[in-house]
Amino acid sequence: MKQEIINLYDEYTHKPLSRNEFLKRLSVLTGGMTAAMAILPSLEGNYAIAQTQADDLFTEYITYKGVNGDMKAYVARPKEQKAYATVIVIHENRGLNAHIEDVARRAAKAGFLAIAPNALSVVSPAPANEDEARAAFSQLKPEESLGNFVKGVEYAATRKDSNGKIGCVGFCWGGAMANNLAVNVPNLKAAVAFYGRQPVATDVPKIKAAVQLHYASLDERVNEGAKAYEEALKSNGKAYEFYMYEGVNHAFHNDTSAARYNEAAAKLAWGRTIEFFKKYLV
């Protein structure tokens, strides 16, 4: 698929671009509306793919108190009742969906207690589709969203099935949130950010967690701040790992988006993520 099409979809999902304008511009790039509609499913999420089996897992939906309302979350862990190292799984700018629940189950399969909060829990009425979900993020105040995920870390520590060693992994919007949690939660042990915006350099000294960063070489929008972040982590003596995946796009880990998913990079990055958590949380 042409890179121009991937870039246009990235613009649509991250900037104020209406669906009508997106489809109009997509039809120009593809040679007509029929062709545009034909490739649209490969760009948008196909959640039927999110099928990590939960037969050998314990799963539930829970609610915890946020700073501005109740926060809902999906929980997954191995069935054995004991205390597990804990991972907060943070979604993209679509809220909690089948893909992120699938990622939580993958973390549970690897032996962790995974908790995936929904930042849009505090939005009323609840978004009915992904376009509404993306638009709803404009209603969220960054400091309140941060507070709601900090509360998620605090909630995780109260669970009997958590060993109190807590990390986080986030994607896109959630990648930025993972970085912000590293800055704002002193007892966080590990933070993994997939193609997420970076904190300002002056906040890096506050980080106590080990940080692992995954970037896509074609993701110019997010990569603008990547080098400065790495330099700040290095100059401040922070424990970190930095990975750049060549020739792949933003959201390369999301297997429900066929046009942007890169299987080799996704598997490599997820394997590194699990090993990182085993190093710092277990």
C-alpha atoms as a PDB file:
ATOM      1  CA  MET A   1       0.000   0.000   0.000  1.00  0.00           C
ATOM      2  CA  LYS A   2       1.270   3.479  -0.865  1.00  0.00           C
ATOM      3  CA  GLN A   3       2.919   5.311   2.003  1.00  0.00           C
ATOM      4  CA  GLU A   4       0.788   8.350   1.166  1.00  0.00           C
ATOM      5  CA  ILE A   5      -2.306   6.338   2.077  1.00  0.00           C
ATOM      6  CA  ILE A   6      -0.784   5.214   5.386  1.00  0.00           C
ATOM      7  CA  ASN A   7       0.174   8.812   6.146  1.00  0.00           C
ATOM      8  CA  LEU A   8      -3.325  10.024   5.333  1.00  0.00           C
ATOM      9  CA  TYR A   9      -4.866   7.451   7.658  1.00  0.00           C
ATOM     10  CA  ASP A  10      -2.445   8.489  10.389  1.00  0.00           C
ATOM     11  CA  GLU A  11      -3.533  12.095   9.878  1.00  0.00           C
ATOM     12  CA  TYR A  12      -7.185  11.061  10.032  1.00  0.00           C
ATOM     13  CA  THR A  13      -6.746   9.144  13.275  1.00  0.00           C
ATOM     14  CA  HIS A  14      -4.627  11.766  15.047  1.00  0.00           C
ATOM     15  CA  LYS A  15      -5.721  15.171  13.755  1.00  0.00           C
ATOM     16  CA  PRO A  16      -9.050  16.971  13.320  1.00  0.00           C
ATOM     17  CA  LEU A  17      -9.912  15.468   9.939  1.00  0.00           C
ATOM     18  CA  SER A  18     -13.527  14.553   9.262  1.00  0.00           C
ATOM     19  CA  ARG A  19     -14.405  11.146   7.874  1.00  0.00           C
ATOM     20  CA  ASN A  20     -15.888  12.732   4.763  1.00  0.00           C
ATOM     21  CA  GLU A  21     -12.686  14.670   4.098  1.00  0.00           C
ATOM     22  CA  PHE A  22     -10.599  11.570   4.774  1.00  0.00           C
ATOM     23  CA  LEU A  23     -12.631   9.476   2.310  1.00  0.00           C
ATOM     24  CA  LYS A  24     -12.515  12.255  -0.273  1.00  0.00           C
ATOM     25  CA  ARG A  25      -8.731  12.462  -0.088  1.00  0.00           C
ATOM     26  CA  LEU A  26      -8.426   8.666   0.024  1.00  0.00           C
ATOM     27  CA  SER A  27     -10.452   8.374  -3.174  1.00  0.00           C
ATOM     28  CA  VAL A  28      -8.020  10.736  -4.891  1.00  0.00           C
ATOM     29  CA  LEU A  29      -5.054   8.615  -3.836  1.00  0.00           C
ATOM     30  CA  THR A  30      -6.696   5.334  -4.844  1.00  0.00           C
ATOM     31  CA  GLY A  31      -8.306   6.505  -8.078  1.00  0.00           C
ATOM     32  CA  GLY A  32     -11.933   6.563  -7.000  1.00  0.00           C
ATOM     33  CA  MET A  33     -14.386   6.020  -4.175  1.00  0.00           C
ATOM     34  CA  THR A  34     -14.934   2.359  -5.065  1.00  0.00           C
ATOM     35  CA  ALA A  35     -11.231   1.657  -4.708  1.00  0.00           C
ATOM     36  CA  ALA A  36     -11.096   3.722  -1.509  1.00  0.00           C
ATOM     37  CA  MET A  37     -13.887   1.700   0.078  1.00  0.00           C
ATOM     38  CA  ALA A  38     -12.213  -1.542  -1.030  1.00  0.00           C
ATOM     39  CA  ILE A  39      -8.986  -0.819   0.863  1.00  0.00           C
ATOM     40  CA  LEU A  40     -10.648   0.790   3.888  1.00  0.00           C
ATOM     41  CA  PRO A  41     -11.036  -2.504   5.832  1.00  0.00           C
ATOM     42  CA  SER A  42      -7.283  -3.074   5.687  1.00  0.00           C
ATOM     43  CA  LEU A  43      -6.724   0.320   7.302  1.00  0.00           C
ATOM     44  CA  GLU A  44      -9.382   0.141   9.983  1.00  0.00           C
ATOM     45  CA  GLY A  45      -9.467  -2.394  12.787  1.00  0.00           C
ATOM     46  CA  ASN A  46     -10.677  -5.926  12.146  1.00  0.00           C
ATOM     47  CA  TYR A  47     -11.319  -7.038  15.717  1.00  0.00           C
ATOM     48  CA  ALA A  48     -12.220 -10.575  14.696  1.00  0.00           C
ATOM     49  CA  ILE A  49      -8.453 -11.113  14.653  1.00  0.00           C
ATOM     50  CA  ALA A  50      -8.230 -10.345  18.394  1.00  0.00           C
ATOM     51  CA  GLN A  51      -8.734 -13.933  19.483  1.00  0.00           C
ATOM     52  CA  THR A  52      -6.097 -14.859  22.060  1.00  0.00           C
ATOM     53  CA  GLN A  53      -7.891 -17.645  23.903  1.00  0.00           C
ATOM     54  CA  ALA A  54      -8.906 -17.089  27.516  1.00  0.00           C
ATOM     55  CA  ASP A  55      -9.717 -20.723  28.384  1.00  0.00           C
ATOM     56  CA  ASP A  56      -6.744 -21.024  30.740  1.00  0.00           C
ATOM     57  CA  LEU A  57      -7.069 -17.476  32.082  1.00  0.00           C
ATOM     58  CA  PHE A  58      -9.082 -15.676  34.728  1.00  0.00           C
ATOM     59  CA  THR A  59     -10.741 -12.566  33.259  1.00  0.00           C
ATOM     60  CA  GLU A  60     -13.106  -9.963  34.594  1.00  0.00           C
ATOM     61  CA  TYR A  61     -14.293  -6.384  34.204  1.00  0.00           C
ATOM     62  CA  ILE A  62     -13.793  -4.147  37.218  1.00  0.00           C
ATOM     63  CA  THR A  63     -14.421  -0.552  38.265  1.00  0.00           C
ATOM     64  CA  TYR A  64     -12.168   1.644  40.364  1.00  0.00           C
ATOM     65  CA  LYS A  65     -12.422   5.251  41.483  1.00  0.00           C
ATOM     66  CA  GLY A  66     -10.751   7.781  39.226  1.00  0.00           C
ATOM     67  CA  VAL A  67     -10.146  11.470  39.840  1.00  0.00           C
ATOM     68  CA  ASN A  68     -13.254  12.546  37.929  1.00  0.00           C
ATOM     69  CA  GLY A  69     -15.506   9.489  37.896  1.00  0.00           C
ATOM     70  CA  ASP A  70     -15.519   5.711  37.846  1.00  0.00           C
ATOM     71  CA  MET A  71     -12.910   4.009  35.700  1.00  0.00           C
ATOM     72  CA  LYS A  72     -13.723   0.683  34.056  1.00  0.00           C
ATOM     73  CA  ALA A  73     -11.024  -1.834  33.192  1.00  0.00           C
ATOM     74  CA  TYR A  74     -10.508  -5.315  31.758  1.00  0.00           C
ATOM     75  CA  VAL A  75      -8.442  -7.739  33.843  1.00  0.00           C
ATOM     76  CA  ALA A  76      -6.688 -10.940  32.770  1.00  0.00           C
ATOM     77  CA  ARG A  77      -4.283 -13.269  34.583  1.00  0.00           C
ATOM     78  CA  PRO A  78      -3.450 -16.983  34.854  1.00  0.00           C
ATOM     79  CA  LYS A  79      -6.152 -18.996  36.627  1.00  0.00           C
ATOM     80  CA  GLU A  80      -3.987 -19.995  39.577  1.00  0.00           C
ATOM     81  CA  GLN A  81      -4.797 -17.781  42.542  1.00  0.00           C
ATOM     82  CA  LYS A  82      -1.547 -16.184  43.648  1.00  0.00           C
ATOM     83  CA  ALA A  83       0.228 -12.814  43.523  1.00  0.00           C
ATOM     84  CA  TYR A  84       1.515 -11.897  40.071  1.00  0.00           C
ATOM     85  CA  ALA A  85       3.772  -9.200  38.707  1.00  0.00           C
ATOM     86  CA  THR A  86       1.366  -6.636  37.295  1.00  0.00           C
ATOM     87  CA  VAL A  87       1.145  -4.772  33.994  1.00  0.00           C
ATOM     88  CA  ILE A  88      -1.139  -1.815  33.235  1.00  0.00           C
ATOM     89  CA  VAL A  89      -2.055  -2.048  29.516  1.00  0.00           C
ATOM     90  CA  ILE A  90      -2.877   1.331  27.977  1.00  0.00           C
ATOM     91  CA  HIS A  91      -4.893   1.658  24.784  1.00  0.00           C
ATOM     92  CA  GLU A  92      -4.539   3.804  21.677  1.00  0.00           C
ATOM     93  CA  ASN A  93      -6.763   6.817  21.005  1.00  0.00           C
ATOM     94  CA  ARG A  94      -9.828   4.606  20.565  1.00  0.00           C
ATOM     95  CA  GLY A  95     -10.376   3.612  24.169  1.00  0.00           C
ATOM     96  CA  LEU A  96     -10.498   0.053  25.434  1.00  0.00           C
ATOM     97  CA  ASN A  97     -11.387  -2.273  22.561  1.00  0.00           C
ATOM     98  CA  ALA A  98     -11.088  -5.932  21.582  1.00  0.00           C
ATOM     99  CA  HIS A  99      -7.497  -5.484  20.418  1.00  0.00           C
ATOM    100  CA  ILE A 100      -6.269  -4.055  23.732  1.00  0.00           C
ATOM    101  CA  GLU A 101      -8.169  -6.740  25.646  1.00  0.00           C
ATOM    102  CA  ASP A 102      -6.335  -9.233  23.425  1.00  0.00           C
ATOM    103  CA  VAL A 103      -2.997  -7.619  24.346  1.00  0.00           C
ATOM    104  CA  ALA A 104      -3.946  -7.914  28.029  1.00  0.00           C
ATOM    105  CA  ARG A 105      -4.592 -11.639  27.520  1.00  0.00           C
ATOM    106  CA  ARG A 106      -1.188 -11.996  25.849  1.00  0.00           C
ATOM    107  CA  ALA A 107       0.430 -10.462  28.928  1.00  0.00           C
ATOM    108  CA  ALA A 108      -1.590 -12.839  31.113  1.00  0.00           C
ATOM    109  CA  LYS A 109      -0.448 -15.797  29.006  1.00  0.00           C
ATOM    110  CA  ALA A 110       3.104 -14.709  29.767  1.00  0.00           C
ATOM    111  CA  GLY A 111       2.385 -14.970  33.479  1.00  0.00           C
ATOM    112  CA  PHE A 112       1.339 -11.458  34.460  1.00  0.00           C
ATOM    113  CA  LEU A 113      -1.711  -9.846  35.993  1.00  0.00           C
ATOM    114  CA  ALA A 114      -2.826  -7.445  33.260  1.00  0.00           C
ATOM    115  CA  ILE A 115      -5.173  -4.521  33.913  1.00  0.00           C
ATOM    116  CA  ALA A 116      -6.404  -2.461  30.946  1.00  0.00           C
ATOM    117  CA  PRO A 117      -8.296   0.692  31.995  1.00  0.00           C
ATOM    118  CA  ASN A 118     -10.536   2.630  29.631  1.00  0.00           C
ATOM    119  CA  ALA A 119      -9.754   6.359  29.577  1.00  0.00           C
ATOM    120  CA  LEU A 120     -13.180   6.984  28.021  1.00  0.00           C
ATOM    121  CA  SER A 121     -15.014   5.525  31.037  1.00  0.00           C
ATOM    122  CA  VAL A 122     -15.636   9.082  32.246  1.00  0.00           C
ATOM    123  CA  VAL A 123     -17.176  10.226  28.937  1.00  0.00           C
ATOM    124  CA  SER A 124     -20.967  10.317  28.726  1.00  0.00           C
ATOM    125  CA  PRO A 125     -22.635   9.139  26.621  1.00  0.00           C
ATOM    126  CA  ALA A 126     -20.230   6.337  25.782  1.00  0.00           C
ATOM    127  CA  PRO A 127     -18.911   6.532  22.184  1.00  0.00           C
ATOM    128  CA  ALA A 128     -20.817   4.262  19.810  1.00  0.00           C
ATOM    129  CA  ASN A 129     -17.999   3.695  17.304  1.00  0.00           C
ATOM    130  CA  GLU A 130     -14.320   4.403  16.684  1.00  0.00           C
ATOM    131  CA  ASP A 131     -14.903   7.806  15.080  1.00  0.00           C
ATOM    132  CA  GLU A 132     -16.852   8.893  18.146  1.00  0.00           C
ATOM    133  CA  ALA A 133     -14.199   7.370  20.401  1.00  0.00           C
ATOM    134  CA  ARG A 134     -11.392   9.322  18.740  1.00  0.00           C
ATOM    135  CA  ALA A 135     -13.447  12.505  18.919  1.00  0.00           C
ATOM    136  CA  ALA A 136     -14.184  11.884  22.598  1.00  0.00           C
ATOM    137  CA  PHE A 137     -10.504  12.200  23.455  1.00  0.00           C
ATOM    138  CA  SER A 138     -10.833  15.948  22.878  1.00  0.00           C
ATOM    139  CA  GLN A 139     -13.166  16.007  25.898  1.00  0.00           C
ATOM    140  CA  LEU A 140     -10.494  14.568  28.190  1.00  0.00           C
ATOM    141  CA  LYS A 141      -8.274  16.863  30.231  1.00  0.00           C
ATOM    142  CA  PRO A 142      -4.706  15.519  30.123  1.00  0.00           C
ATOM    143  CA  GLU A 143      -4.129  16.008  33.843  1.00  0.00           C
ATOM    144  CA  GLU A 144      -7.339  14.122  34.679  1.00  0.00           C
ATOM    145  CA  SER A 145      -6.507  11.254  32.327  1.00  0.00           C
ATOM    146  CA  LEU A 146      -3.060  11.004  33.887  1.00  0.00           C
ATOM    147  CA  GLY A 147      -4.655  11.013  37.338  1.00  0.00           C
ATOM    148  CA  ASN A 148      -7.033   8.232  36.324  1.00  0.00           C
ATOM    149  CA  PHE A 149      -4.158   5.983  35.248  1.00  0.00           C
ATOM    150  CA  VAL A 150      -2.168   6.840  38.366  1.00  0.00           C
ATOM    151  CA  LYS A 151      -5.264   5.689  40.267  1.00  0.00           C
ATOM    152  CA  GLY A 152      -5.132   2.529  38.177  1.00  0.00           C
ATOM    153  CA  VAL A 153      -1.628   1.804  39.420  1.00  0.00           C
ATOM    154  CA  GLU A 154      -2.805   2.448  42.977  1.00  0.00           C
ATOM    155  CA  TYR A 155      -5.792   0.146  42.463  1.00  0.00           C
ATOM    156  CA  ALA A 156      -3.551  -2.615  41.097  1.00  0.00           C
ATOM    157  CA  ALA A 157      -1.426  -2.509  44.247  1.00  0.00           C
ATOM    158  CA  THR A 158      -4.513  -3.251  46.404  1.00  0.00           C
ATOM    159  CA  ARG A 159      -5.355  -6.500  44.607  1.00  0.00           C
ATOM    160  CA  LYS A 160      -4.495  -9.755  46.350  1.00  0.00           C
ATOM    161  CA  ASP A 161      -3.445 -11.214  42.993  1.00  0.00           C
ATOM    162  CA  SER A 162      -0.782  -8.504  42.528  1.00  0.00           C
ATOM    163  CA  ASN A 163       2.699  -8.829  44.026  1.00  0.00           C
ATOM    164  CA  GLY A 164       3.011  -5.040  44.166  1.00  0.00           C
ATOM    165  CA  LYS A 165       5.623  -4.877  41.400  1.00  0.00           C
ATOM    166  CA  ILE A 166       3.866  -2.867  38.720  1.00  0.00           C
ATOM    167  CA  GLY A 167       4.800  -1.823  35.206  1.00  0.00           C
ATOM    168  CA  CYS A 168       2.916  -0.486  32.212  1.00  0.00           C
ATOM    169  CA  VAL A 169       2.833  -0.816  28.451  1.00  0.00           C
ATOM    170  CA  GLY A 170       1.075   1.625  26.149  1.00  0.00           C
ATOM    171  CA  PHE A 171       0.478   2.120  22.451  1.00  0.00           C
ATOM    172  CA  CYS A 172       0.232   5.471  20.613  1.00  0.00           C
ATOM    173  CA  TRP A 173      -1.839   7.633  23.024  1.00  0.00           C
ATOM    174  CA  GLY A 174      -1.117   4.929  25.564  1.00  0.00           C
ATOM    175  CA  GLY A 175       2.596   5.077  24.771  1.00  0.00           C
ATOM    176  CA  ALA A 176       2.608   8.740  25.748  1.00  0.00           C
ATOM    177  CA  MET A 177       0.673   7.831  28.892  1.00  0.00           C
ATOM    178  CA  ALA A 178       3.241   5.129  29.746  1.00  0.00           C
ATOM    179  CA  ASN A 179       5.974   7.754  29.525  1.00  0.00           C
ATOM    180  CA  ASN A 180       3.940  10.107  31.718  1.00  0.00           C
ATOM    181  CA  LEU A 181       3.363   7.386  34.306  1.00  0.00           C
ATOM    182  CA  ALA A 182       7.121   6.815  34.421  1.00  0.00           C
ATOM    183  CA  VAL A 183       7.534  10.499  35.264  1.00  0.00           C
ATOM    184  CA  ASN A 184       4.698  10.690  37.775  1.00  0.00           C
ATOM    185  CA  VAL A 185       4.650   7.333  39.611  1.00  0.00           C
ATOM    186  CA  PRO A 186       7.848   6.899  41.650  1.00  0.00           C
ATOM    187  CA  ASN A 187       7.083   3.276  42.560  1.00  0.00           C
ATOM    188  CA  LEU A 188       6.495   2.177  38.955  1.00  0.00           C
ATOM    189  CA  LYS A 189       9.106  -0.469  38.135  1.00  0.00           C
ATOM    190  CA  ALA A 190       8.981  -0.563  34.339  1.00  0.00           C
ATOM    191  CA  ALA A 191       7.375   1.439  31.528  1.00  0.00           C
ATOM    192  CA  VAL A 192       7.183   0.314  27.899  1.00  0.00           C
ATOM    193  CA  ALA A 193       6.073   2.811  25.256  1.00  0.00           C
ATOM    194  CA  PHE A 194       5.163   1.828  21.699  1.00  0.00           C
ATOM    195  CA  TYR A 195       5.360   4.841  19.353  1.00  0.00           C
ATOM    196  CA  GLY A 196       4.305   7.256  22.085  1.00  0.00           C
ATOM    197  CA  ARG A 197       4.935  10.961  22.536  1.00  0.00           C
ATOM    198  CA  GLN A 198       7.761  11.799  24.888  1.00  0.00           C
ATOM    199  CA  PRO A 199       7.806  13.794  28.139  1.00  0.00           C
ATOM    200  CA  VAL A 200       9.721  17.063  28.228  1.00  0.00           C
ATOM    201  CA  ALA A 201      13.418  16.646  28.977  1.00  0.00           C
ATOM    202  CA  THR A 202      13.147  18.536  32.263  1.00  0.00           C
ATOM    203  CA  ASP A 203      10.803  15.816  33.585  1.00  0.00           C
ATOM    204  CA  VAL A 204      13.156  12.924  32.826  1.00  0.00           C
ATOM    205  CA  PRO A 205      15.098  13.236  36.122  1.00  0.00           C
ATOM    206  CA  LYS A 206      11.856  12.308  37.933  1.00  0.00           C
ATOM    207  CA  ILE A 207      11.760   8.871  36.287  1.00  0.00           C
ATOM    208  CA  LYS A 208      12.517   5.954  38.608  1.00  0.00           C
ATOM    209  CA  ALA A 209      11.222   3.153  36.370  1.00  0.00           C
ATOM    210  CA  ALA A 210      13.231   1.318  33.750  1.00  0.00           C
ATOM    211  CA  VAL A 211      12.006   2.481  30.335  1.00  0.00           C
ATOM    212  CA  GLN A 212      11.754   0.561  27.073  1.00  0.00           C
ATOM    213  CA  LEU A 213      10.935   2.463  23.881  1.00  0.00           C
ATOM    214  CA  HIS A 214       9.700   1.103  20.529  1.00  0.00           C
ATOM    215  CA  TYR A 215       9.574   3.360  17.473  1.00  0.00           C
ATOM    216  CA  ALA A 216       8.695   2.892  13.797  1.00  0.00           C
ATOM    217  CA  SER A 217      11.125   4.458  11.335  1.00  0.00           C
ATOM    218  CA  LEU A 218       8.309   5.722   9.066  1.00  0.00           C
ATOM    219  CA  ASP A 219       6.479   7.396  11.959  1.00  0.00           C
ATOM    220  CA  GLU A 220       7.836  10.915  11.468  1.00  0.00           C
ATOM    221  CA  ARG A 221       5.169  12.542  13.644  1.00  0.00           C
ATOM    222  CA  VAL A 222       6.112  10.698  16.845  1.00  0.00           C
ATOM    223  CA  ASN A 223       9.804  10.301  16.074  1.00  0.00           C
ATOM    224  CA  GLU A 224      10.416  14.052  16.210  1.00  0.00           C
ATOM    225  CA  GLY A 225      11.063  13.851  19.952  1.00  0.00           C
ATOM    226  CA  ALA A 226      12.603  10.373  20.157  1.00  0.00           C
ATOM    227  CA  LYS A 227      16.287  11.312  19.965  1.00  0.00           C
ATOM    228  CA  ALA A 228      16.000  14.090  22.552  1.00  0.00           C
ATOM    229  CA  TYR A 229      14.196  11.703  24.914  1.00  0.00           C
ATOM    230  CA  GLU A 230      16.912   9.086  24.544  1.00  0.00           C
ATOM    231  CA  GLU A 231      19.616  11.678  25.156  1.00  0.00           C
ATOM    232  CA  ALA A 232      17.816  12.893  28.292  1.00  0.00           C
ATOM    233  CA  LEU A 233      17.479   9.330  29.600  1.00  0.00           C
ATOM    234  CA  LYS A 234      21.146   8.676  28.926  1.00  0.00           C
ATOM    235  CA  SER A 235      22.437  11.932  30.426  1.00  0.00           C
ATOM    236  CA  ASN A 236      20.371  11.376  33.565  1.00  0.00           C
ATOM    237  CA  GLY A 237      21.637   7.833  34.040  1.00  0.00           C
ATOM    238  CA  LYS A 238      18.262   6.150  33.600  1.00  0.00           C
ATOM    239  CA  ALA A 239      17.855   2.462  32.822  1.00  0.00           C
ATOM    240  CA  TYR A 240      16.396   2.306  29.322  1.00  0.00           C
ATOM    241  CA  GLU A 241      16.245   0.384  26.072  1.00  0.00           C
ATOM    242  CA  PHE A 242      15.631   2.114  22.720  1.00  0.00           C
ATOM    243  CA  TYR A 243      14.539   0.272  19.588  1.00  0.00           C
ATOM    244  CA  MET A 244      13.886   1.655  16.117  1.00  0.00           C
ATOM    245  CA  TYR A 245      12.170  -0.724  13.693  1.00  0.00           C
ATOM    246  CA  GLU A 246      13.157   0.054  10.129  1.00  0.00           C
ATOM    247  CA  GLY A 247      10.645   0.245   7.301  1.00  0.00           C
ATOM    248  CA  VAL A 248       7.537  -0.034   9.483  1.00  0.00           C
ATOM    249  CA  ASN A 249       4.721   2.358  10.302  1.00  0.00           C
ATOM    250  CA  HIS A 250       3.067   3.769  13.387  1.00  0.00           C
ATOM    251  CA  ALA A 251       0.864   1.087  14.990  1.00  0.00           C
ATOM    252  CA  PHE A 252       2.995  -1.731  13.559  1.00  0.00           C
ATOM    253  CA  HIS A 253       2.100  -3.833  16.615  1.00  0.00           C
ATOM    254  CA  ASN A 254      -1.666  -3.637  16.017  1.00  0.00           C
ATOM    255  CA  ASP A 255      -2.544  -6.840  14.171  1.00  0.00           C
ATOM    256  CA  THR A 256      -6.143  -5.740  13.600  1.00  0.00           C
ATOM    257  CA  SER A 257      -4.929  -3.080  11.116  1.00  0.00           C
ATOM    258  CA  ALA A 258      -3.599  -5.102   8.192  1.00  0.00           C
ATOM    259  CA  ALA A 259      -2.123  -2.163   6.279  1.00  0.00           C
ATOM    260  CA  ARG A 260       0.123  -1.025   9.143  1.00  0.00           C
ATOM    261  CA  TYR A 261       0.777  -4.273  11.022  1.00  0.00           C
ATOM    262  CA  ASN A 262       4.234  -5.762  10.585  1.00  0.00           C
ATOM    263  CA  GLU A 263       4.363  -9.285  11.961  1.00  0.00           C
ATOM    264  CA  ALA A 264       8.147  -9.558  12.284  1.00  0.00           C
ATOM    265  CA  ALA A 265       8.558  -6.214  14.069  1.00  0.00           C
ATOM    266  CA  ALA A 266       5.491  -6.808  16.256  1.00  0.00           C
ATOM    267  CA  LYS A 267       6.676 -10.210  17.459  1.00  0.00           C
ATOM    268  CA  LEU A 268      10.194  -8.944  18.081  1.00  0.00           C
ATOM    269  CA  ALA A 269       8.954  -5.913  20.014  1.00  0.00           C
ATOM    270  CA  TRP A 270       6.475  -7.920  22.094  1.00  0.00           C
ATOM    271  CA  GLY A 271       9.119 -10.501  22.922  1.00  0.00           C
ATOM    272  CA  ARG A 272      11.414  -7.715  24.087  1.00  0.00           C
ATOM    273  CA  THR A 273       8.554  -6.279  26.144  1.00  0.00           C
ATOM    274  CA  ILE A 274       7.892  -9.537  27.985  1.00  0.00           C
ATOM    275  CA  GLU A 275      11.592 -10.091  28.683  1.00  0.00           C
ATOM    276  CA  PHE A 276      11.824  -6.520  29.999  1.00  0.00           C
ATOM    277  CA  PHE A 277       8.937  -7.104  32.379  1.00  0.00           C
ATOM    278  CA  LYS A 278      10.455 -10.393  33.538  1.00  0.00           C
ATOM    279  CA  LYS A 279      13.683  -8.556  34.265  1.00  0.00           C
ATOM    280  CA  TYR A 280      12.171  -5.674  36.240  1.00  0.00           C
ATOM    281  CA  LEU A 281       8.905  -7.027  37.690  1.00  0.00           C
ATOM    282  CA  VAL A 282       9.467 -10.700  38.531  1.00  0.00           C
END
